[in-house]
Amino acid sequence: MRDNSDSHPFSNESSTCFKPFISPNPITSFNPVQRYPIIDDTALISPFSSVIGDVEICDNVFIASNVSIRADEGTPFYIGSNSNIQDGVILHGLLNKKIGVGDRSYSICIGNEVTIAHDALVHGPCFIGNHVFVGFRAMVYDAIVEEGTFISYDAIITNGVRIAPNRFVPPGAHIDTQEKANMLSQVPKDNEEFTIEVQRVNQKFPSSYHLLFGTNRCSCGLAYTH
């Protein structure tokens, strides 16, 4: 079997030429102070993704390719330890709309060991607790999602609802009233096991991709110095 690790035309330096875009927010009348993202050294921001503005990304977070994390309107954002934000996810927030978490207020607050799956939309104001799974193409906007909840693909959570811990949101469900939220059942065992396995896999990626991409995070002519 041929070893192509050194012969591939995009190996070594050329394979790391596509970097993420990391930038402060632009100065506007409603957001006059530039704030840089705070990104833990162990987190990984993949190529073709962007992180803009007052965003805190904690240890061992994996941000996959083509993710947009844009804190240029609603701010700040927080992404907790060991969470993974998969390809095509969008994070954005409404101006001056926040959710209190402890003694702080956030546009978007994402807890520890959270999975946001491919093409999902997380729009502030919202809170997503620890160990939550947000499925493919799902939307969470103006909502509080408590710990351990499983949101299936194409589901919508909105209108200020609060999802209790360990609830299962079925595929395609529209949870837009508190009455609907209160009727949700517990997460089935197989979905709970699926969430654990997705977390196990994605927590391996940051350190492995750091070895592949190197340590240079920033591109597009903007110096990442904060």
Protein backbone atom coordinates (compact mmCIF):
# COMPACT_ATOMS: atom_id res chain seq x y z
CA MET A 1 0.00 0.00 0.00
CA ARG A 2 1.40 3.38 -1.00
CA ASP A 3 2.04 5.95 1.74
CA ASN A 4 0.91 9.28 0.31
CA SER A 5 1.53 11.35 3.44
CA ASP A 6 4.46 13.22 1.84
CA SER A 7 3.54 13.07 -1.82
CA HIS A 8 0.07 14.64 -1.78
CA PRO A 9 0.13 17.92 -3.76
CA PHE A 10 -1.54 19.80 -0.89
CA SER A 11 0.55 18.32 1.92
CA ASN A 12 2.64 20.22 4.47
CA GLU A 13 2.60 24.02 4.12
CA SER A 14 0.04 24.20 1.32
CA SER A 15 -2.46 22.19 3.37
CA THR A 16 -2.56 24.88 6.06
CA CYS A 17 -2.90 27.93 3.82
CA PHE A 18 -6.63 28.32 4.47
CA LYS A 19 -7.07 29.85 7.90
CA PRO A 20 -10.11 31.05 9.85
CA PHE A 21 -11.09 34.71 10.02
CA ILE A 22 -10.78 36.07 13.56
CA SER A 23 -11.53 39.73 14.09
CA PRO A 24 -12.88 42.37 16.46
CA ASN A 25 -16.36 43.67 15.80
CA PRO A 26 -16.65 46.74 13.57
CA ILE A 27 -17.32 50.06 15.31
CA THR A 28 -20.94 51.14 14.91
CA SER A 29 -23.26 53.65 16.57
CA PHE A 30 -24.84 50.84 18.61
CA ASN A 31 -21.58 48.98 19.32
CA PRO A 32 -18.87 51.66 19.61
CA VAL A 33 -16.17 49.57 21.35
CA GLN A 34 -14.10 47.00 19.47
CA ARG A 35 -13.73 43.73 21.34
CA TYR A 36 -11.60 40.81 20.25
CA PRO A 37 -12.57 37.17 20.67
CA ILE A 38 -11.01 35.36 23.63
CA ILE A 39 -10.07 31.87 22.47
CA ASP A 40 -8.44 29.26 24.69
CA ASP A 41 -5.20 27.88 23.26
CA THR A 42 -6.61 24.35 23.25
CA ALA A 43 -9.68 25.29 21.18
CA LEU A 44 -9.61 24.74 17.43
CA ILE A 45 -11.13 27.11 14.87
CA SER A 46 -11.18 25.32 11.51
CA PRO A 47 -10.46 26.82 8.07
CA PHE A 48 -13.12 29.00 6.42
CA SER A 49 -14.82 29.77 9.75
CA SER A 50 -15.18 33.25 11.24
CA VAL A 51 -15.22 34.45 14.84
CA ILE A 52 -16.00 38.15 15.23
CA GLY A 53 -16.36 40.36 18.28
CA ASP A 54 -16.99 39.72 21.98
CA VAL A 55 -16.87 35.91 21.93
CA GLU A 56 -15.34 33.71 24.63
CA ILE A 57 -14.41 30.19 23.51
CA CYS A 58 -13.27 27.85 26.29
CA ASP A 59 -10.90 24.90 26.41
CA ASN A 60 -11.02 22.05 23.92
CA VAL A 61 -13.86 23.56 21.89
CA PHE A 62 -14.02 22.35 18.28
CA ILE A 63 -15.30 24.80 15.67
CA ALA A 64 -15.62 22.97 12.33
CA SER A 65 -15.30 24.53 8.87
CA ASN A 66 -17.70 27.15 7.47
CA VAL A 67 -19.04 28.24 10.85
CA SER A 68 -20.07 31.87 11.37
CA ILE A 69 -19.85 33.21 14.94
CA ARG A 70 -20.70 36.89 14.58
CA ALA A 71 -20.98 39.03 17.71
CA ASP A 72 -21.27 42.34 15.86
CA GLU A 73 -24.84 43.13 16.93
CA GLY A 74 -26.00 41.19 19.99
CA THR A 75 -23.14 40.48 22.43
CA PRO A 76 -21.45 38.79 24.23
CA PHE A 77 -21.27 35.11 23.23
CA TYR A 78 -19.91 32.28 25.40
CA ILE A 79 -19.05 28.71 24.34
CA GLY A 80 -18.19 26.34 27.18
CA SER A 81 -15.57 23.61 27.53
CA ASN A 82 -15.52 20.57 25.23
CA SER A 83 -18.39 21.80 23.07
CA ASN A 84 -18.41 21.30 19.32
CA ILE A 85 -19.91 23.58 16.69
CA GLN A 86 -20.20 21.67 13.44
CA ASP A 87 -19.99 22.66 9.77
CA GLY A 88 -22.30 25.41 8.54
CA VAL A 89 -23.59 26.51 11.95
CA ILE A 90 -24.50 30.19 12.41
CA LEU A 91 -24.39 32.07 15.73
CA HIS A 92 -25.78 35.61 15.77
CA GLY A 93 -27.78 37.74 18.20
CA LEU A 94 -30.28 40.59 18.32
CA LEU A 95 -29.16 43.98 19.58
CA ASN A 96 -29.85 44.61 23.30
CA LYS A 97 -31.62 41.28 23.78
CA LYS A 98 -29.87 39.21 26.47
CA ILE A 99 -30.38 36.33 28.88
CA GLY A 100 -29.07 36.41 32.44
CA VAL A 101 -26.75 33.57 33.46
CA GLY A 102 -25.52 33.84 37.03
CA ASP A 103 -24.30 37.40 37.51
CA ARG A 104 -23.73 38.04 33.80
CA SER A 105 -25.89 38.63 30.74
CA TYR A 106 -25.29 37.09 27.32
CA SER A 107 -26.71 37.27 23.86
CA ILE A 108 -25.76 33.60 23.43
CA CYS A 109 -24.54 31.32 26.20
CA ILE A 110 -23.63 27.73 25.31
CA GLY A 111 -22.63 25.38 28.13
CA ASN A 112 -20.10 22.57 28.42
CA GLU A 113 -20.09 19.45 26.22
CA VAL A 114 -22.75 20.82 23.89
CA THR A 115 -23.12 19.65 20.30
CA ILE A 116 -24.47 22.04 17.68
CA ALA A 117 -24.86 19.84 14.59
CA HIS A 118 -24.45 20.72 10.92
CA ASP A 119 -26.32 23.77 9.54
CA ALA A 120 -28.09 24.62 12.79
CA LEU A 121 -28.95 28.23 13.65
CA VAL A 122 -28.44 29.51 17.19
CA HIS A 123 -29.71 33.08 17.46
CA GLY A 124 -29.63 35.21 20.57
CA PRO A 125 -31.08 35.81 22.94
CA CYS A 126 -30.71 32.19 23.99
CA PHE A 127 -29.20 29.88 26.59
CA ILE A 128 -28.19 26.29 25.84
CA GLY A 129 -27.24 24.25 28.90
CA ASN A 130 -24.59 21.57 29.42
CA HIS A 131 -24.79 18.32 27.45
CA VAL A 132 -27.46 19.57 25.03
CA PHE A 133 -27.61 18.21 21.48
CA VAL A 134 -28.91 20.59 18.79
CA GLY A 135 -29.67 18.57 15.65
CA PHE A 136 -29.08 19.12 11.95
CA ARG A 137 -30.76 22.28 10.60
CA ALA A 138 -32.46 22.96 13.93
CA MET A 139 -33.08 26.51 15.14
CA VAL A 140 -32.88 27.88 18.68
CA TYR A 141 -33.93 31.53 18.99
CA ASP A 142 -35.20 33.46 22.00
CA ALA A 143 -35.25 30.38 24.22
CA ILE A 144 -33.75 28.68 27.26
CA VAL A 145 -32.78 25.04 26.75
CA GLU A 146 -31.85 23.28 29.96
CA GLU A 147 -29.19 20.62 30.52
CA GLY A 148 -29.32 17.28 28.71
CA THR A 149 -32.00 18.16 26.17
CA PHE A 150 -31.95 16.50 22.74
CA ILE A 151 -33.23 18.69 19.88
CA SER A 152 -33.82 16.62 16.75
CA TYR A 153 -33.19 17.65 13.16
CA ASP A 154 -35.29 20.47 11.65
CA ALA A 155 -36.85 21.36 15.01
CA ILE A 156 -37.53 25.00 16.01
CA ILE A 157 -37.38 26.33 19.58
CA THR A 158 -38.52 29.95 19.94
CA ASN A 159 -40.91 32.57 21.43
CA GLY A 160 -39.24 32.73 24.84
CA VAL A 161 -39.91 29.12 25.81
CA ARG A 162 -37.97 27.26 28.47
CA ILE A 163 -37.20 23.58 27.81
CA ALA A 164 -36.83 21.60 31.05
CA PRO A 165 -33.75 19.38 31.58
CA ASN A 166 -33.39 16.10 29.68
CA ARG A 167 -36.30 16.66 27.30
CA PHE A 168 -36.64 15.22 23.80
CA VAL A 169 -37.70 17.53 20.97
CA PRO A 170 -38.94 15.39 18.04
CA PRO A 171 -37.83 15.87 14.42
CA GLY A 172 -39.44 18.90 12.78
CA ALA A 173 -41.24 20.00 15.96
CA HIS A 174 -42.13 23.68 16.43
CA ILE A 175 -41.90 24.45 20.14
CA ASP A 176 -43.19 28.02 20.20
CA THR A 177 -45.40 28.01 23.30
CA GLN A 178 -44.63 27.05 26.88
CA GLU A 179 -47.53 24.60 26.78
CA LYS A 180 -45.81 22.66 24.00
CA ALA A 181 -42.50 22.80 25.88
CA ASN A 182 -44.09 21.41 29.04
CA MET A 183 -45.48 18.41 27.12
CA LEU A 184 -42.08 17.16 25.92
CA SER A 185 -41.04 13.69 27.07
CA GLN A 186 -37.72 12.53 28.52
CA VAL A 187 -34.77 11.84 26.20
CA PRO A 188 -34.85 8.19 25.02
CA LYS A 189 -31.87 6.05 25.98
CA ASP A 190 -30.63 5.62 22.41
CA ASN A 191 -30.58 9.39 21.82
CA GLU A 192 -28.72 9.90 25.08
CA GLU A 193 -26.13 7.34 24.01
CA PHE A 194 -25.85 8.99 20.58
CA THR A 195 -25.11 12.35 22.22
CA ILE A 196 -22.38 10.79 24.36
CA GLU A 197 -20.75 9.17 21.33
CA VAL A 198 -20.83 12.39 19.29
CA GLN A 199 -19.16 14.16 22.20
CA ARG A 200 -16.53 11.45 22.52
CA VAL A 201 -15.59 11.74 18.85
CA ASN A 202 -15.56 15.52 18.63
CA GLN A 203 -13.50 16.02 21.78
CA LYS A 204 -10.64 14.25 19.99
CA PHE A 205 -10.56 16.76 17.13
CA PRO A 206 -9.03 19.95 18.64
CA SER A 207 -5.67 18.45 19.59
CA SER A 208 -5.48 16.38 16.39
CA TYR A 209 -6.31 19.28 14.09
CA HIS A 210 -3.85 21.53 15.91
CA LEU A 211 -1.14 19.10 14.83
CA LEU A 212 -2.44 19.16 11.26
CA PHE A 213 -3.01 22.91 10.90
CA GLY A 214 -0.28 24.28 13.15
CA THR A 215 -0.76 27.09 15.62
CA ASN A 216 -1.23 30.09 13.30
CA ARG A 217 -4.90 31.01 13.68
CA CYS A 218 -5.47 34.15 11.77
CA SER A 219 -5.70 35.12 8.11
CA CYS A 220 -6.93 37.78 5.71
CA GLY A 221 -4.29 40.28 6.78
CA LEU A 222 -5.70 40.83 10.29
CA ALA A 223 -3.27 40.34 13.13
CA TYR A 224 -4.71 38.33 15.99
CA THR A 225 -2.91 39.85 18.97
CA HIS A 226 -5.48 39.82 21.78
